[in-house]
Amino acid sequence: MAEETRQEQPEITAWMKPTCGWSNGVRAVLAKYDLEYEDRDIINVPDNFLEMVNITGQRFQPSLRVGDAVLADVSGDEFEQWLISSKVVTPAATDDDTPLDEGCADHSAPPTSVTFGA
């Protein structure tokens, strides 16, 4: 019987918010494929946010470094597609119902009009 072989996993660093829907989508993909990673909280640890900006060149999350590749401001769906197309993983069935492309619950729609001054 042939044994399934797995490519050596690249080092993964993820800069994310602790409770954001986008971040949770990325976490769900990482869990789905049993990938080890370092989760860097950009809300409660200001140095992590600055590191993310310096490495990715932008201020949006979730952002990841997978080996030498940098993925900035990606959803769980985008991240999973990148992992598959880069042959880091092979497609797998979803393990849970975590949305992979849902924004943060605390982000409300922008106001339709803004008034400055009186």
PDB file of N, CA and C in Angstrom:
ATOM      1  N   MET A   1       0.851  -1.173   0.000  1.00  0.00           N
ATOM      2  CA  MET A   1       0.000   0.000   0.000  1.00  0.00           C
ATOM      3  C   MET A   1       0.900   1.240   0.000  1.00  0.00           C
ATOM      4  N   ALA A   2       0.616   2.171  -0.874  1.00  0.00           N
ATOM      5  CA  ALA A   2       1.417   3.394  -0.961  1.00  0.00           C
ATOM      6  C   ALA A   2       1.033   4.337   0.166  1.00  0.00           C
ATOM      7  N   GLU A   3       2.039   4.926   0.762  1.00  0.00           N
ATOM      8  CA  GLU A   3       1.787   5.904   1.810  1.00  0.00           C
ATOM      9  C   GLU A   3       1.621   7.275   1.181  1.00  0.00           C
ATOM     10  N   GLU A   4       0.705   8.063   1.752  1.00  0.00           N
ATOM     11  CA  GLU A   4       0.525   9.429   1.271  1.00  0.00           C
ATOM     12  C   GLU A   4       1.707  10.252   1.758  1.00  0.00           C
ATOM     13  N   THR A   5       2.322  10.970   0.858  1.00  0.00           N
ATOM     14  CA  THR A   5       3.433  11.827   1.254  1.00  0.00           C
ATOM     15  C   THR A   5       2.963  13.265   1.264  1.00  0.00           C
ATOM     16  N   ARG A   6       3.516  14.022   2.153  1.00  0.00           N
ATOM     17  CA  ARG A   6       3.154  15.421   2.272  1.00  0.00           C
ATOM     18  C   ARG A   6       4.408  16.247   2.099  1.00  0.00           C
ATOM     19  N   GLN A   7       4.289  17.248   1.266  1.00  0.00           N
ATOM     20  CA  GLN A   7       5.391  18.169   1.051  1.00  0.00           C
ATOM     21  C   GLN A   7       5.725  18.831   2.385  1.00  0.00           C
ATOM     22  N   GLU A   8       7.003  19.127   2.590  1.00  0.00           N
ATOM     23  CA  GLU A   8       7.382  19.803   3.826  1.00  0.00           C
ATOM     24  C   GLU A   8       6.655  21.138   3.896  1.00  0.00           C
ATOM     25  N   GLN A   9       6.045  21.389   5.038  1.00  0.00           N
ATOM     26  CA  GLN A   9       5.261  22.605   5.201  1.00  0.00           C
ATOM     27  C   GLN A   9       6.162  23.825   5.286  1.00  0.00           C
ATOM     28  N   PRO A  10       5.848  24.876   4.524  1.00  0.00           N
ATOM     29  CA  PRO A  10       6.614  26.111   4.664  1.00  0.00           C
ATOM     30  C   PRO A  10       6.275  26.792   5.988  1.00  0.00           C
ATOM     31  N   GLU A  11       7.168  27.644   6.438  1.00  0.00           N
ATOM     32  CA  GLU A  11       6.897  28.430   7.643  1.00  0.00           C
ATOM     33  C   GLU A  11       5.793  29.428   7.322  1.00  0.00           C
ATOM     34  N   ILE A  12       4.798  29.512   8.219  1.00  0.00           N
ATOM     35  CA  ILE A  12       3.657  30.404   7.997  1.00  0.00           C
ATOM     36  C   ILE A  12       3.529  31.368   9.168  1.00  0.00           C
ATOM     37  N   THR A  13       3.484  32.652   8.842  1.00  0.00           N
ATOM     38  CA  THR A  13       3.205  33.702   9.818  1.00  0.00           C
ATOM     39  C   THR A  13       1.935  34.395   9.354  1.00  0.00           C
ATOM     40  N   ALA A  14       0.967  34.561  10.265  1.00  0.00           N
ATOM     41  CA  ALA A  14      -0.305  35.195   9.929  1.00  0.00           C
ATOM     42  C   ALA A  14      -0.530  36.392  10.842  1.00  0.00           C
ATOM     43  N   TRP A  15      -0.709  37.567  10.240  1.00  0.00           N
ATOM     44  CA  TRP A  15      -1.017  38.783  10.990  1.00  0.00           C
ATOM     45  C   TRP A  15      -2.514  38.986  10.888  1.00  0.00           C
ATOM     46  N   MET A  16      -3.202  38.858  12.054  1.00  0.00           N
ATOM     47  CA  MET A  16      -4.661  38.877  12.039  1.00  0.00           C
ATOM     48  C   MET A  16      -5.221  39.536  13.295  1.00  0.00           C
ATOM     49  N   LYS A  17      -6.509  39.895  13.201  1.00  0.00           N
ATOM     50  CA  LYS A  17      -7.254  40.363  14.363  1.00  0.00           C
ATOM     51  C   LYS A  17      -7.754  39.136  15.125  1.00  0.00           C
ATOM     52  N   PRO A  18      -7.888  39.256  16.452  1.00  0.00           N
ATOM     53  CA  PRO A  18      -8.315  38.097  17.243  1.00  0.00           C
ATOM     54  C   PRO A  18      -9.709  37.571  16.896  1.00  0.00           C
ATOM     55  N   THR A  19     -10.642  38.446  16.532  1.00  0.00           N
ATOM     56  CA  THR A  19     -12.020  37.991  16.349  1.00  0.00           C
ATOM     57  C   THR A  19     -12.635  38.370  15.012  1.00  0.00           C
ATOM     58  N   CYS A  20     -11.883  38.790  14.057  1.00  0.00           N
ATOM     59  CA  CYS A  20     -12.407  39.221  12.761  1.00  0.00           C
ATOM     60  C   CYS A  20     -12.887  38.032  11.929  1.00  0.00           C
ATOM     61  N   GLY A  21     -13.997  38.208  11.218  1.00  0.00           N
ATOM     62  CA  GLY A  21     -14.506  37.154  10.346  1.00  0.00           C
ATOM     63  C   GLY A  21     -13.520  36.753   9.268  1.00  0.00           C
ATOM     64  N   TRP A  22     -12.833  37.747   8.663  1.00  0.00           N
ATOM     65  CA  TRP A  22     -11.825  37.437   7.638  1.00  0.00           C
ATOM     66  C   TRP A  22     -10.707  36.586   8.250  1.00  0.00           C
ATOM     67  N   SER A  23     -10.250  37.005   9.434  1.00  0.00           N
ATOM     68  CA  SER A  23      -9.179  36.263  10.111  1.00  0.00           C
ATOM     69  C   SER A  23      -9.630  34.855  10.471  1.00  0.00           C
ATOM     70  N   ASN A  24     -10.864  34.728  10.945  1.00  0.00           N
ATOM     71  CA  ASN A  24     -11.368  33.403  11.306  1.00  0.00           C
ATOM     72  C   ASN A  24     -11.482  32.497  10.080  1.00  0.00           C
ATOM     73  N   GLY A  25     -11.760  33.075   8.920  1.00  0.00           N
ATOM     74  CA  GLY A  25     -11.770  32.292   7.686  1.00  0.00           C
ATOM     75  C   GLY A  25     -10.397  31.737   7.365  1.00  0.00           C
ATOM     76  N   VAL A  26      -9.359  32.568   7.546  1.00  0.00           N
ATOM     77  CA  VAL A  26      -7.983  32.109   7.317  1.00  0.00           C
ATOM     78  C   VAL A  26      -7.622  31.036   8.342  1.00  0.00           C
ATOM     79  N   ARG A  27      -7.997  31.249   9.605  1.00  0.00           N
ATOM     80  CA  ARG A  27      -7.722  30.241  10.639  1.00  0.00           C
ATOM     81  C   ARG A  27      -8.407  28.913  10.306  1.00  0.00           C
ATOM     82  N   ALA A  28      -9.632  28.986   9.780  1.00  0.00           N
ATOM     83  CA  ALA A  28     -10.359  27.762   9.422  1.00  0.00           C
ATOM     84  C   ALA A  28      -9.625  26.993   8.325  1.00  0.00           C
ATOM     85  N   VAL A  29      -9.061  27.708   7.355  1.00  0.00           N
ATOM     86  CA  VAL A  29      -8.298  27.047   6.289  1.00  0.00           C
ATOM     87  C   VAL A  29      -7.040  26.407   6.868  1.00  0.00           C
ATOM     88  N   LEU A  30      -6.350  27.125   7.737  1.00  0.00           N
ATOM     89  CA  LEU A  30      -5.143  26.576   8.363  1.00  0.00           C
ATOM     90  C   LEU A  30      -5.478  25.311   9.156  1.00  0.00           C
ATOM     91  N   ALA A  31      -6.605  25.327   9.874  1.00  0.00           N
ATOM     92  CA  ALA A  31      -7.023  24.151  10.646  1.00  0.00           C
ATOM     93  C   ALA A  31      -7.454  23.013   9.721  1.00  0.00           C
ATOM     94  N   LYS A  32      -8.170  23.347   8.654  1.00  0.00           N
ATOM     95  CA  LYS A  32      -8.654  22.345   7.701  1.00  0.00           C
ATOM     96  C   LYS A  32      -7.515  21.505   7.136  1.00  0.00           C
ATOM     97  N   TYR A  33      -6.385  22.165   6.873  1.00  0.00           N
ATOM     98  CA  TYR A  33      -5.235  21.467   6.298  1.00  0.00           C
ATOM     99  C   TYR A  33      -4.176  21.119   7.341  1.00  0.00           C
ATOM    100  N   ASP A  34      -4.518  21.326   8.623  1.00  0.00           N
ATOM    101  CA  ASP A  34      -3.620  20.986   9.725  1.00  0.00           C
ATOM    102  C   ASP A  34      -2.243  21.618   9.534  1.00  0.00           C
ATOM    103  N   LEU A  35      -2.244  22.904   9.180  1.00  0.00           N
ATOM    104  CA  LEU A  35      -0.996  23.635   8.963  1.00  0.00           C
ATOM    105  C   LEU A  35      -0.595  24.370  10.235  1.00  0.00           C
ATOM    106  N   GLU A  36       0.657  24.238  10.610  1.00  0.00           N
ATOM    107  CA  GLU A  36       1.178  24.973  11.760  1.00  0.00           C
ATOM    108  C   GLU A  36       1.483  26.395  11.317  1.00  0.00           C
ATOM    109  N   TYR A  37       1.230  27.347  12.219  1.00  0.00           N
ATOM    110  CA  TYR A  37       1.481  28.748  11.886  1.00  0.00           C
ATOM    111  C   TYR A  37       1.645  29.562  13.154  1.00  0.00           C
ATOM    112  N   GLU A  38       2.219  30.734  12.987  1.00  0.00           N
ATOM    113  CA  GLU A  38       2.324  31.678  14.095  1.00  0.00           C
ATOM    114  C   GLU A  38       1.268  32.750  13.883  1.00  0.00           C
ATOM    115  N   ASP A  39       0.353  32.871  14.835  1.00  0.00           N
ATOM    116  CA  ASP A  39      -0.749  33.831  14.776  1.00  0.00           C
ATOM    117  C   ASP A  39      -0.311  35.103  15.499  1.00  0.00           C
ATOM    118  N   ARG A  40      -0.096  36.168  14.752  1.00  0.00           N
ATOM    119  CA  ARG A  40       0.357  37.429  15.347  1.00  0.00           C
ATOM    120  C   ARG A  40      -0.806  38.407  15.433  1.00  0.00           C
ATOM    121  N   ASP A  41      -1.206  38.696  16.654  1.00  0.00           N
ATOM    122  CA  ASP A  41      -2.320  39.590  16.967  1.00  0.00           C
ATOM    123  C   ASP A  41      -1.915  41.030  16.651  1.00  0.00           C
ATOM    124  N   ILE A  42      -2.591  41.648  15.670  1.00  0.00           N
ATOM    125  CA  ILE A  42      -2.233  43.022  15.285  1.00  0.00           C
ATOM    126  C   ILE A  42      -3.027  44.075  16.046  1.00  0.00           C
ATOM    127  N   ILE A  43      -4.000  43.657  16.849  1.00  0.00           N
ATOM    128  CA  ILE A  43      -4.804  44.607  17.620  1.00  0.00           C
ATOM    129  C   ILE A  43      -4.193  44.864  18.990  1.00  0.00           C
ATOM    130  N   ASN A  44      -3.860  43.811  19.705  1.00  0.00           N
ATOM    131  CA  ASN A  44      -3.370  43.935  21.074  1.00  0.00           C
ATOM    132  C   ASN A  44      -1.856  44.033  21.186  1.00  0.00           C
ATOM    133  N   VAL A  45      -1.152  43.815  20.083  1.00  0.00           N
ATOM    134  CA  VAL A  45       0.311  43.896  20.083  1.00  0.00           C
ATOM    135  C   VAL A  45       0.729  44.842  18.950  1.00  0.00           C
ATOM    136  N   PRO A  46       0.888  46.141  19.264  1.00  0.00           N
ATOM    137  CA  PRO A  46       1.205  47.133  18.230  1.00  0.00           C
ATOM    138  C   PRO A  46       2.435  46.792  17.392  1.00  0.00           C
ATOM    139  N   ASP A  47       3.438  46.164  17.985  1.00  0.00           N
ATOM    140  CA  ASP A  47       4.634  45.798  17.215  1.00  0.00           C
ATOM    141  C   ASP A  47       4.302  44.796  16.102  1.00  0.00           C
ATOM    142  N   ASN A  48       3.311  43.933  16.329  1.00  0.00           N
ATOM    143  CA  ASN A  48       2.901  42.996  15.283  1.00  0.00           C
ATOM    144  C   ASN A  48       2.279  43.737  14.102  1.00  0.00           C
ATOM    145  N   PHE A  49       1.484  44.769  14.396  1.00  0.00           N
ATOM    146  CA  PHE A  49       0.890  45.568  13.318  1.00  0.00           C
ATOM    147  C   PHE A  49       1.984  46.254  12.508  1.00  0.00           C
ATOM    148  N   LEU A  50       2.945  46.859  13.189  1.00  0.00           N
ATOM    149  CA  LEU A  50       4.046  47.538  12.489  1.00  0.00           C
ATOM    150  C   LEU A  50       4.857  46.554  11.654  1.00  0.00           C
ATOM    151  N   GLU A  51       5.088  45.367  12.187  1.00  0.00           N
ATOM    152  CA  GLU A  51       5.808  44.338  11.439  1.00  0.00           C
ATOM    153  C   GLU A  51       5.040  43.972  10.166  1.00  0.00           C
ATOM    154  N   MET A  52       3.724  43.808  10.284  1.00  0.00           N
ATOM    155  CA  MET A  52       2.903  43.475   9.125  1.00  0.00           C
ATOM    156  C   MET A  52       3.012  44.553   8.056  1.00  0.00           C
ATOM    157  N   VAL A  53       2.911  45.808   8.462  1.00  0.00           N
ATOM    158  CA  VAL A  53       3.003  46.920   7.511  1.00  0.00           C
ATOM    159  C   VAL A  53       4.366  46.925   6.829  1.00  0.00           C
ATOM    160  N   ASN A  54       5.427  46.720   7.601  1.00  0.00           N
ATOM    161  CA  ASN A  54       6.779  46.716   7.025  1.00  0.00           C
ATOM    162  C   ASN A  54       6.980  45.569   6.041  1.00  0.00           C
ATOM    163  N   ILE A  55       6.438  44.407   6.339  1.00  0.00           N
ATOM    164  CA  ILE A  55       6.647  43.237   5.479  1.00  0.00           C
ATOM    165  C   ILE A  55       5.717  43.238   4.270  1.00  0.00           C
ATOM    166  N   THR A  56       4.455  43.620   4.476  1.00  0.00           N
ATOM    167  CA  THR A  56       3.477  43.540   3.383  1.00  0.00           C
ATOM    168  C   THR A  56       3.357  44.830   2.589  1.00  0.00           C
ATOM    169  N   GLY A  57       3.796  45.952   3.172  1.00  0.00           N
ATOM    170  CA  GLY A  57       3.680  47.234   2.483  1.00  0.00           C
ATOM    171  C   GLY A  57       2.282  47.817   2.519  1.00  0.00           C
ATOM    172  N   GLN A  58       1.424  47.299   3.374  1.00  0.00           N
ATOM    173  CA  GLN A  58       0.052  47.815   3.480  1.00  0.00           C
ATOM    174  C   GLN A  58      -0.486  47.565   4.888  1.00  0.00           C
ATOM    175  N   ARG A  59      -1.689  48.084   5.176  1.00  0.00           N
ATOM    176  CA  ARG A  59      -2.227  48.083   6.531  1.00  0.00           C
ATOM    177  C   ARG A  59      -3.424  47.146   6.728  1.00  0.00           C
ATOM    178  N   PHE A  60      -3.742  46.319   5.752  1.00  0.00           N
ATOM    179  CA  PHE A  60      -4.947  45.496   5.845  1.00  0.00           C
ATOM    180  C   PHE A  60      -4.623  44.055   6.215  1.00  0.00           C
ATOM    181  N   GLN A  61      -5.580  43.404   6.843  1.00  0.00           N
ATOM    182  CA  GLN A  61      -5.427  42.036   7.302  1.00  0.00           C
ATOM    183  C   GLN A  61      -6.638  41.239   6.886  1.00  0.00           C
ATOM    184  N   PRO A  62      -6.560  39.942   6.946  1.00  0.00           N
ATOM    185  CA  PRO A  62      -5.424  39.121   7.299  1.00  0.00           C
ATOM    186  C   PRO A  62      -4.352  39.134   6.214  1.00  0.00           C
ATOM    187  N   SER A  63      -3.128  39.132   6.668  1.00  0.00           N
ATOM    188  CA  SER A  63      -1.976  39.053   5.771  1.00  0.00           C
ATOM    189  C   SER A  63      -1.083  37.925   6.261  1.00  0.00           C
ATOM    190  N   LEU A  64      -0.443  37.253   5.321  1.00  0.00           N
ATOM    191  CA  LEU A  64       0.361  36.082   5.673  1.00  0.00           C
ATOM    192  C   LEU A  64       1.679  36.079   4.934  1.00  0.00           C
ATOM    193  N   ARG A  65       2.647  35.439   5.563  1.00  0.00           N
ATOM    194  CA  ARG A  65       3.895  35.091   4.882  1.00  0.00           C
ATOM    195  C   ARG A  65       3.953  33.564   4.914  1.00  0.00           C
ATOM    196  N   VAL A  66       4.016  32.973   3.729  1.00  0.00           N
ATOM    197  CA  VAL A  66       4.083  31.517   3.593  1.00  0.00           C
ATOM    198  C   VAL A  66       5.390  31.225   2.877  1.00  0.00           C
ATOM    199  N   GLY A  67       6.380  30.772   3.639  1.00  0.00           N
ATOM    200  CA  GLY A  67       7.715  30.628   3.058  1.00  0.00           C
ATOM    201  C   GLY A  67       8.210  32.003   2.641  1.00  0.00           C
ATOM    202  N   ASP A  68       8.530  32.164   1.362  1.00  0.00           N
ATOM    203  CA  ASP A  68       8.995  33.455   0.846  1.00  0.00           C
ATOM    204  C   ASP A  68       7.872  34.304   0.264  1.00  0.00           C
ATOM    205  N   ALA A  69       6.664  33.764   0.168  1.00  0.00           N
ATOM    206  CA  ALA A  69       5.539  34.484  -0.438  1.00  0.00           C
ATOM    207  C   ALA A  69       4.819  35.330   0.607  1.00  0.00           C
ATOM    208  N   VAL A  70       4.361  36.510   0.188  1.00  0.00           N
ATOM    209  CA  VAL A  70       3.579  37.391   1.054  1.00  0.00           C
ATOM    210  C   VAL A  70       2.196  37.544   0.433  1.00  0.00           C
ATOM    211  N   LEU A  71       1.173  37.267   1.231  1.00  0.00           N
ATOM    212  CA  LEU A  71      -0.220  37.399   0.800  1.00  0.00           C
ATOM    213  C   LEU A  71      -0.857  38.476   1.659  1.00  0.00           C
ATOM    214  N   ALA A  72      -1.260  39.574   1.056  1.00  0.00           N
ATOM    215  CA  ALA A  72      -1.792  40.701   1.813  1.00  0.00           C
ATOM    216  C   ALA A  72      -3.298  40.809   1.637  1.00  0.00           C
ATOM    217  N   ASP A  73      -3.995  41.011   2.760  1.00  0.00           N
ATOM    218  CA  ASP A  73      -5.425  41.293   2.754  1.00  0.00           C
ATOM    219  C   ASP A  73      -6.200  40.222   1.987  1.00  0.00           C
ATOM    220  N   VAL A  74      -6.118  38.973   2.452  1.00  0.00           N
ATOM    221  CA  VAL A  74      -6.775  37.860   1.764  1.00  0.00           C
ATOM    222  C   VAL A  74      -7.908  37.274   2.602  1.00  0.00           C
ATOM    223  N   SER A  75      -8.899  36.732   1.925  1.00  0.00           N
ATOM    224  CA  SER A  75      -9.965  35.991   2.606  1.00  0.00           C
ATOM    225  C   SER A  75      -9.520  34.539   2.755  1.00  0.00           C
ATOM    226  N   GLY A  76     -10.274  33.785   3.517  1.00  0.00           N
ATOM    227  CA  GLY A  76      -9.981  32.364   3.638  1.00  0.00           C
ATOM    228  C   GLY A  76     -10.078  31.658   2.293  1.00  0.00           C
ATOM    229  N   ASP A  77     -11.084  32.027   1.475  1.00  0.00           N
ATOM    230  CA  ASP A  77     -11.224  31.439   0.137  1.00  0.00           C
ATOM    231  C   ASP A  77     -10.004  31.717  -0.726  1.00  0.00           C
ATOM    232  N   GLU A  78      -9.551  32.970  -0.733  1.00  0.00           N
ATOM    233  CA  GLU A  78      -8.379  33.342  -1.540  1.00  0.00           C
ATOM    234  C   GLU A  78      -7.130  32.608  -1.056  1.00  0.00           C
ATOM    235  N   PHE A  79      -6.987  32.524   0.260  1.00  0.00           N
ATOM    236  CA  PHE A  79      -5.832  31.842   0.835  1.00  0.00           C
ATOM    237  C   PHE A  79      -5.841  30.361   0.459  1.00  0.00           C
ATOM    238  N   GLU A  80      -7.003  29.719   0.582  1.00  0.00           N
ATOM    239  CA  GLU A  80      -7.092  28.300   0.239  1.00  0.00           C
ATOM    240  C   GLU A  80      -6.753  28.079  -1.239  1.00  0.00           C
ATOM    241  N   GLN A  81      -7.282  28.919  -2.116  1.00  0.00           N
ATOM    242  CA  GLN A  81      -6.978  28.775  -3.544  1.00  0.00           C
ATOM    243  C   GLN A  81      -5.487  28.956  -3.806  1.00  0.00           C
ATOM    244  N   TRP A  82      -4.854  29.897  -3.101  1.00  0.00           N
ATOM    245  CA  TRP A  82      -3.412  30.102  -3.263  1.00  0.00           C
ATOM    246  C   TRP A  82      -2.651  28.857  -2.794  1.00  0.00           C
ATOM    247  N   LEU A  83      -3.040  28.308  -1.635  1.00  0.00           N
ATOM    248  CA  LEU A  83      -2.375  27.105  -1.121  1.00  0.00           C
ATOM    249  C   LEU A  83      -2.462  25.951  -2.123  1.00  0.00           C
ATOM    250  N   ILE A  84      -3.627  25.791  -2.730  1.00  0.00           N
ATOM    251  CA  ILE A  84      -3.822  24.705  -3.696  1.00  0.00           C
ATOM    252  C   ILE A  84      -3.025  24.968  -4.972  1.00  0.00           C
ATOM    253  N   SER A  85      -3.130  26.189  -5.514  1.00  0.00           N
ATOM    254  CA  SER A  85      -2.427  26.490  -6.771  1.00  0.00           C
ATOM    255  C   SER A  85      -0.910  26.482  -6.596  1.00  0.00           C
ATOM    256  N   SER A  86      -0.446  26.767  -5.390  1.00  0.00           N
ATOM    257  CA  SER A  86       0.994  26.740  -5.103  1.00  0.00           C
ATOM    258  C   SER A  86       1.467  25.348  -4.692  1.00  0.00           C
ATOM    259  N   LYS A  87       0.535  24.402  -4.668  1.00  0.00           N
ATOM    260  CA  LYS A  87       0.825  23.004  -4.333  1.00  0.00           C
ATOM    261  C   LYS A  87       1.360  22.809  -2.913  1.00  0.00           C
ATOM    262  N   VAL A  88       0.946  23.720  -2.024  1.00  0.00           N
ATOM    263  CA  VAL A  88       1.271  23.553  -0.606  1.00  0.00           C
ATOM    264  C   VAL A  88       0.353  22.482  -0.023  1.00  0.00           C
ATOM    265  N   VAL A  89      -0.903  22.431  -0.507  1.00  0.00           N
ATOM    266  CA  VAL A  89      -1.882  21.434  -0.076  1.00  0.00           C
ATOM    267  C   VAL A  89      -2.609  20.897  -1.307  1.00  0.00           C
ATOM    268  N   THR A  90      -3.306  19.790  -1.114  1.00  0.00           N
ATOM    269  CA  THR A  90      -4.221  19.295  -2.143  1.00  0.00           C
ATOM    270  C   THR A  90      -5.633  19.545  -1.636  1.00  0.00           C
ATOM    271  N   PRO A  91      -6.599  19.777  -2.528  1.00  0.00           N
ATOM    272  CA  PRO A  91      -7.959  20.113  -2.082  1.00  0.00           C
ATOM    273  C   PRO A  91      -8.514  19.075  -1.111  1.00  0.00           C
ATOM    274  N   ALA A  92      -9.246  19.578  -0.108  1.00  0.00           N
ATOM    275  CA  ALA A  92      -9.866  18.712   0.896  1.00  0.00           C
ATOM    276  C   ALA A  92     -11.286  19.201   1.152  1.00  0.00           C
ATOM    277  N   ALA A  93     -12.134  18.309   1.623  1.00  0.00           N
ATOM    278  CA  ALA A  93     -13.505  18.677   1.969  1.00  0.00           C
ATOM    279  C   ALA A  93     -13.496  19.587   3.192  1.00  0.00           C
ATOM    280  N   THR A  94     -14.485  20.463   3.279  1.00  0.00           N
ATOM    281  CA  THR A  94     -14.586  21.375   4.417  1.00  0.00           C
ATOM    282  C   THR A  94     -14.912  20.597   5.686  1.00  0.00           C
ATOM    283  N   ASP A  95     -14.221  20.937   6.780  1.00  0.00           N
ATOM    284  CA  ASP A  95     -14.416  20.239   8.052  1.00  0.00           C
ATOM    285  C   ASP A  95     -15.477  20.879   8.930  1.00  0.00           C
ATOM    286  N   ASP A  96     -15.692  22.183   8.791  1.00  0.00           N
ATOM    287  CA  ASP A  96     -16.684  22.850   9.632  1.00  0.00           C
ATOM    288  C   ASP A  96     -17.426  23.887   8.796  1.00  0.00           C
ATOM    289  N   ASP A  97     -18.290  24.635   9.448  1.00  0.00           N
ATOM    290  CA  ASP A  97     -19.111  25.612   8.731  1.00  0.00           C
ATOM    291  C   ASP A  97     -18.599  27.035   8.868  1.00  0.00           C
ATOM    292  N   THR A  98     -17.338  27.223   9.210  1.00  0.00           N
ATOM    293  CA  THR A  98     -16.791  28.566   9.349  1.00  0.00           C
ATOM    294  C   THR A  98     -16.785  29.255   7.993  1.00  0.00           C
ATOM    295  N   PRO A  99     -17.424  30.442   7.888  1.00  0.00           N
ATOM    296  CA  PRO A  99     -17.378  31.171   6.618  1.00  0.00           C
ATOM    297  C   PRO A  99     -15.939  31.585   6.308  1.00  0.00           C
ATOM    298  N   LEU A 100     -15.524  31.405   5.067  1.00  0.00           N
ATOM    299  CA  LEU A 100     -14.153  31.736   4.680  1.00  0.00           C
ATOM    300  C   LEU A 100     -14.035  33.122   4.065  1.00  0.00           C
ATOM    301  N   ASP A 101     -15.166  33.797   3.845  1.00  0.00           N
ATOM    302  CA  ASP A 101     -15.130  35.095   3.175  1.00  0.00           C
ATOM    303  C   ASP A 101     -16.082  36.100   3.817  1.00  0.00           C
ATOM    304  N   GLU A 102     -16.083  36.141   5.136  1.00  0.00           N
ATOM    305  CA  GLU A 102     -16.991  37.015   5.868  1.00  0.00           C
ATOM    306  C   GLU A 102     -16.201  38.069   6.617  1.00  0.00           C
ATOM    307  N   GLY A 103     -16.640  39.326   6.492  1.00  0.00           N
ATOM    308  CA  GLY A 103     -15.956  40.424   7.157  1.00  0.00           C
ATOM    309  C   GLY A 103     -16.172  40.421   8.656  1.00  0.00           C
ATOM    310  N   CYS A 104     -15.551  41.380   9.314  1.00  0.00           N
ATOM    311  CA  CYS A 104     -15.686  41.535  10.759  1.00  0.00           C
ATOM    312  C   CYS A 104     -17.101  41.975  11.100  1.00  0.00           C
ATOM    313  N   ALA A 105     -17.666  41.413  12.144  1.00  0.00           N
ATOM    314  CA  ALA A 105     -19.028  41.731  12.545  1.00  0.00           C
ATOM    315  C   ALA A 105     -19.171  43.177  12.996  1.00  0.00           C
ATOM    316  N   ASP A 106     -18.102  43.783  13.508  1.00  0.00           N
ATOM    317  CA  ASP A 106     -18.193  45.149  14.020  1.00  0.00           C
ATOM    318  C   ASP A 106     -17.991  46.205  12.940  1.00  0.00           C
ATOM    319  N   HIS A 107     -17.818  45.797  11.686  1.00  0.00           N
ATOM    320  CA  HIS A 107     -17.685  46.763  10.602  1.00  0.00           C
ATOM    321  C   HIS A 107     -19.067  47.096  10.076  1.00  0.00           C
ATOM    322  N   SER A 108     -19.482  48.335  10.279  1.00  0.00           N
ATOM    323  CA  SER A 108     -20.788  48.735   9.780  1.00  0.00           C
ATOM    324  C   SER A 108     -20.622  49.459   8.450  1.00  0.00           C
ATOM    325  N   ALA A 109     -21.733  49.601   7.745  1.00  0.00           N
ATOM    326  CA  ALA A 109     -21.698  50.307   6.463  1.00  0.00           C
ATOM    327  C   ALA A 109     -21.371  51.777   6.706  1.00  0.00           C
ATOM    328  N   PRO A 110     -20.647  52.410   5.788  1.00  0.00           N
ATOM    329  CA  PRO A 110     -20.336  53.824   5.967  1.00  0.00           C
ATOM    330  C   PRO A 110     -21.610  54.655   5.875  1.00  0.00           C
ATOM    331  N   PRO A 111     -21.626  55.810   6.538  1.00  0.00           N
ATOM    332  CA  PRO A 111     -22.813  56.662   6.478  1.00  0.00           C
ATOM    333  C   PRO A 111     -23.039  57.137   5.043  1.00  0.00           C
ATOM    334  N   THR A 112     -24.318  57.399   4.718  1.00  0.00           N
ATOM    335  CA  THR A 112     -24.630  57.849   3.362  1.00  0.00           C
ATOM    336  C   THR A 112     -24.245  59.302   3.153  1.00  0.00           C
ATOM    337  N   SER A 113     -24.207  60.080   4.223  1.00  0.00           N
ATOM    338  CA  SER A 113     -23.759  61.467   4.102  1.00  0.00           C
ATOM    339  C   SER A 113     -23.026  61.868   5.369  1.00  0.00           C
ATOM    340  N   VAL A 114     -22.093  62.757   5.215  1.00  0.00           N
ATOM    341  CA  VAL A 114     -21.307  63.242   6.341  1.00  0.00           C
ATOM    342  C   VAL A 114     -21.365  64.756   6.328  1.00  0.00           C
ATOM    343  N   THR A 115     -21.632  65.353   7.493  1.00  0.00           N
ATOM    344  CA  THR A 115     -21.690  66.804   7.608  1.00  0.00           C
ATOM    345  C   THR A 115     -20.549  67.265   8.492  1.00  0.00           C
ATOM    346  N   PHE A 116     -19.789  68.237   8.018  1.00  0.00           N
ATOM    347  CA  PHE A 116     -18.693  68.807   8.794  1.00  0.00           C
ATOM    348  C   PHE A 116     -19.073  70.218   9.211  1.00  0.00           C
ATOM    349  N   GLY A 117     -18.825  70.539  10.475  1.00  0.00           N
ATOM    350  CA  GLY A 117     -19.113  71.884  10.971  1.00  0.00           C
ATOM    351  C   GLY A 117     -20.596  72.082  11.215  1.00  0.00           C
ATOM    352  N   ALA A 118     -20.935  73.276  11.661  1.00  0.00           N
ATOM    353  CA  ALA A 118     -22.343  73.548  11.964  1.00  0.00           C
ATOM    354  C   ALA A 118     -22.943  74.513  10.993  1.00  0.00           C
TER     355      ALA A 118
END
